[in-house]
């Protein structure tokens, strides 16, 4: 993952002007903004390369956990990543005391490859699994930055309802 790195974007409370949240954003050394083409190449790479990416993500989260003890963190995951057994295994591995500090923003882009059979157009079972693990979840449109509410068993959630 030598050309990828993470940056923290502070989320400022509009009322108090305080910062208690940081969104962890993926960047590429040779490009400004989100490296869409390079990231899709990573998603279609080998399991070893994706595991290296998760290892770097884990290192960054562990650093943030210590450096910002009272903060909450947002991470973007594509629906395709939620199809990967490696991604779900990683998210199960994250310490429970850190899970309640993480908001997983799931991008609205549909997966290109399915590893499980489900009747919906999105993998609701994966969303429920994340919720059951203690993560907060929101839908995030990677191209426009729009957030949309989601429902698990009839309960609606949005980025600000947690």
Protein backbone atom coordinates (compact mmCIF):
# COMPACT_ATOMS: atom_id res chain seq x y z
CA UNK A 1 0.00 0.00 0.00
CA UNK A 2 2.99 2.25 -0.41
CA UNK A 3 1.22 4.88 -2.53
CA UNK A 4 -1.89 5.07 -0.32
CA UNK A 5 -2.12 6.98 2.93
CA UNK A 6 -4.83 8.26 5.27
CA UNK A 7 -5.70 11.81 6.28
CA UNK A 8 -7.96 12.86 9.11
CA UNK A 9 -10.65 15.39 8.31
CA UNK A 10 -11.97 17.04 11.44
CA UNK A 11 -15.75 17.27 11.83
CA UNK A 12 -16.63 20.54 13.54
CA UNK A 13 -19.81 20.81 15.61
CA UNK A 14 -21.78 23.69 14.08
CA UNK A 15 -23.19 24.80 17.44
CA UNK A 16 -20.15 24.58 19.70
CA UNK A 17 -17.37 24.79 17.08
CA UNK A 18 -15.68 21.90 18.90
CA UNK A 19 -14.09 18.91 17.24
CA UNK A 20 -14.97 15.47 18.59
CA UNK A 21 -15.07 13.52 15.33
CA UNK A 22 -12.56 12.76 12.61
CA UNK A 23 -13.27 11.17 9.24
CA UNK A 24 -10.42 9.00 8.03
CA UNK A 25 -9.99 9.55 4.29
CA UNK A 26 -7.94 7.49 1.87
CA UNK A 27 -5.55 9.37 -0.39
CA UNK A 28 -2.99 8.46 -3.05
CA UNK A 29 0.49 10.05 -3.16
CA UNK A 30 0.31 10.80 -6.88
CA UNK A 31 -3.19 12.35 -6.99
CA UNK A 32 -5.31 14.93 -5.19
CA UNK A 33 -8.66 13.90 -3.70
CA UNK A 34 -10.07 10.42 -3.47
CA UNK A 35 -8.09 7.99 -5.68
CA UNK A 36 -11.12 6.29 -7.24
CA UNK A 37 -9.34 4.47 -10.06
CA UNK A 38 -6.46 3.31 -7.85
CA UNK A 39 -8.81 2.18 -5.09
CA UNK A 40 -10.93 0.13 -7.51
CA UNK A 41 -7.71 -1.46 -8.71
CA UNK A 42 -6.96 -2.37 -5.06
CA UNK A 43 -10.45 -3.87 -4.68
CA UNK A 44 -9.78 -6.07 -7.70
CA UNK A 45 -6.29 -7.03 -6.57
CA UNK A 46 -5.18 -10.03 -4.57
CA UNK A 47 -6.30 -10.80 -1.07
CA UNK A 48 -2.73 -10.17 0.11
CA UNK A 49 -2.77 -6.59 -1.20
CA UNK A 50 -6.16 -5.88 0.37
CA UNK A 51 -4.97 -7.36 3.70
CA UNK A 52 -1.95 -5.00 3.56
CA UNK A 53 -4.40 -2.11 3.15
CA UNK A 54 -6.39 -3.32 6.19
CA UNK A 55 -3.16 -3.62 8.18
CA UNK A 56 -2.36 0.04 7.41
CA UNK A 57 -5.90 1.03 8.35
CA UNK A 58 -5.56 -0.85 11.63
CA UNK A 59 -2.25 0.88 12.39
CA UNK A 60 -3.87 4.27 11.77
CA UNK A 61 -6.89 3.46 13.94
CA UNK A 62 -4.67 2.28 16.79
CA UNK A 63 -2.70 5.53 16.57
CA UNK A 64 -5.90 7.61 16.61
CA UNK A 65 -7.31 5.62 19.53
CA UNK A 66 -4.36 6.66 21.68
CA UNK A 67 -3.82 10.16 20.28
CA UNK A 68 -7.50 11.20 20.46
CA UNK A 69 -9.08 9.29 23.37
CA UNK A 70 -12.43 11.11 23.38
CA UNK A 71 -12.95 11.27 19.64
CA UNK A 72 -15.20 9.28 17.30
CA UNK A 73 -14.03 8.24 13.85
CA UNK A 74 -15.72 7.78 10.48
CA UNK A 75 -14.46 5.27 7.93
CA UNK A 76 -15.67 4.71 4.40
CA UNK A 77 -16.28 1.17 3.18
CA UNK A 78 -17.67 0.26 -0.21
CA UNK A 79 -20.44 -2.29 -0.50
CA UNK A 80 -17.91 -4.37 -2.43
CA UNK A 81 -15.61 -4.45 0.59
CA UNK A 82 -18.48 -5.72 2.73
CA UNK A 83 -18.58 -8.72 0.39
CA UNK A 84 -14.95 -9.57 1.24
CA UNK A 85 -14.50 -12.07 4.07
CA UNK A 86 -11.22 -10.29 4.92
CA UNK A 87 -12.99 -6.97 5.56
CA UNK A 88 -15.63 -8.51 7.81
CA UNK A 89 -12.99 -10.54 9.68
CA UNK A 90 -10.99 -7.34 10.19
CA UNK A 91 -14.01 -5.46 11.53
CA UNK A 92 -14.72 -8.34 13.93
CA UNK A 93 -11.10 -8.07 15.10
CA UNK A 94 -11.34 -4.37 16.07
CA UNK A 95 -11.46 -3.99 19.86
CA UNK A 96 -14.98 -3.65 21.22
CA UNK A 97 -14.14 -0.43 23.07
CA UNK A 98 -13.15 1.09 19.72
CA UNK A 99 -16.19 -0.13 17.75
CA UNK A 100 -18.58 2.23 19.55
CA UNK A 101 -16.29 5.10 18.50
CA UNK A 102 -16.45 4.20 14.80
CA UNK A 103 -19.06 5.23 12.25
CA UNK A 104 -18.81 3.13 9.10
CA UNK A 105 -19.98 5.12 6.11
CA UNK A 106 -21.02 2.65 3.43
CA UNK A 107 -20.79 4.08 -0.04
CA UNK A 108 -23.89 3.79 -2.18
CA UNK A 109 -21.99 2.26 -5.10
CA UNK A 110 -23.30 -1.26 -5.74
CA UNK A 111 -20.85 -4.18 -5.53
CA UNK A 112 -19.48 -5.48 -8.81
CA UNK A 113 -19.04 -9.03 -7.47
CA UNK A 114 -21.21 -10.80 -4.94
CA UNK A 115 -19.78 -13.46 -2.67
CA UNK A 116 -23.14 -14.26 -1.05
CA UNK A 117 -26.62 -14.69 -2.45
CA UNK A 118 -29.22 -12.20 -1.20
CA UNK A 119 -32.53 -11.04 -2.69
CA UNK A 120 -32.05 -7.31 -2.08
CA UNK A 121 -30.01 -5.00 -4.28
CA UNK A 122 -27.78 -4.35 -1.25
CA UNK A 123 -26.34 -6.76 1.28
CA UNK A 124 -28.60 -5.91 4.22
CA UNK A 125 -27.26 -8.92 6.15
CA UNK A 126 -23.75 -7.38 6.10
CA UNK A 127 -25.16 -4.07 7.36
CA UNK A 128 -26.96 -5.89 10.16
CA UNK A 129 -23.81 -7.80 11.02
CA UNK A 130 -21.87 -4.54 11.41
CA UNK A 131 -24.64 -3.11 13.56
CA UNK A 132 -24.67 -6.25 15.71
CA UNK A 133 -20.90 -5.91 16.18
CA UNK A 134 -21.51 -2.49 17.72
CA UNK A 135 -20.64 -0.22 14.80
CA UNK A 136 -22.67 2.82 13.87
CA UNK A 137 -23.45 2.85 10.15
CA UNK A 138 -24.56 5.39 7.56
CA UNK A 139 -24.86 5.41 3.79
CA UNK A 140 -22.48 7.79 2.06
CA UNK A 141 -22.36 8.72 -1.61
CA UNK A 142 -18.67 8.78 -2.47
CA UNK A 143 -19.19 10.95 -5.55
CA UNK A 144 -21.41 13.65 -4.01
CA UNK A 145 -20.95 13.42 -0.26
CA UNK A 146 -24.68 12.93 0.31
CA UNK A 147 -25.83 10.86 3.28
CA UNK A 148 -29.00 8.82 3.20
CA UNK A 149 -30.86 7.07 6.02
CA UNK A 150 -30.89 3.31 6.13
CA UNK A 151 -33.20 0.79 7.76
CA UNK A 152 -32.42 -2.39 9.67
CA UNK A 153 -35.51 -4.40 10.57
CA UNK A 154 -37.71 -1.32 10.23
CA UNK A 155 -35.50 0.97 12.35
CA UNK A 156 -34.16 3.92 10.39
CA UNK A 157 -30.65 5.21 10.95
CA UNK A 158 -28.83 8.20 9.52
CA UNK A 159 -25.42 9.69 10.06
CA UNK A 160 -26.75 11.91 12.85
CA UNK A 161 -29.11 9.49 14.59
CA UNK A 162 -26.50 7.54 16.54
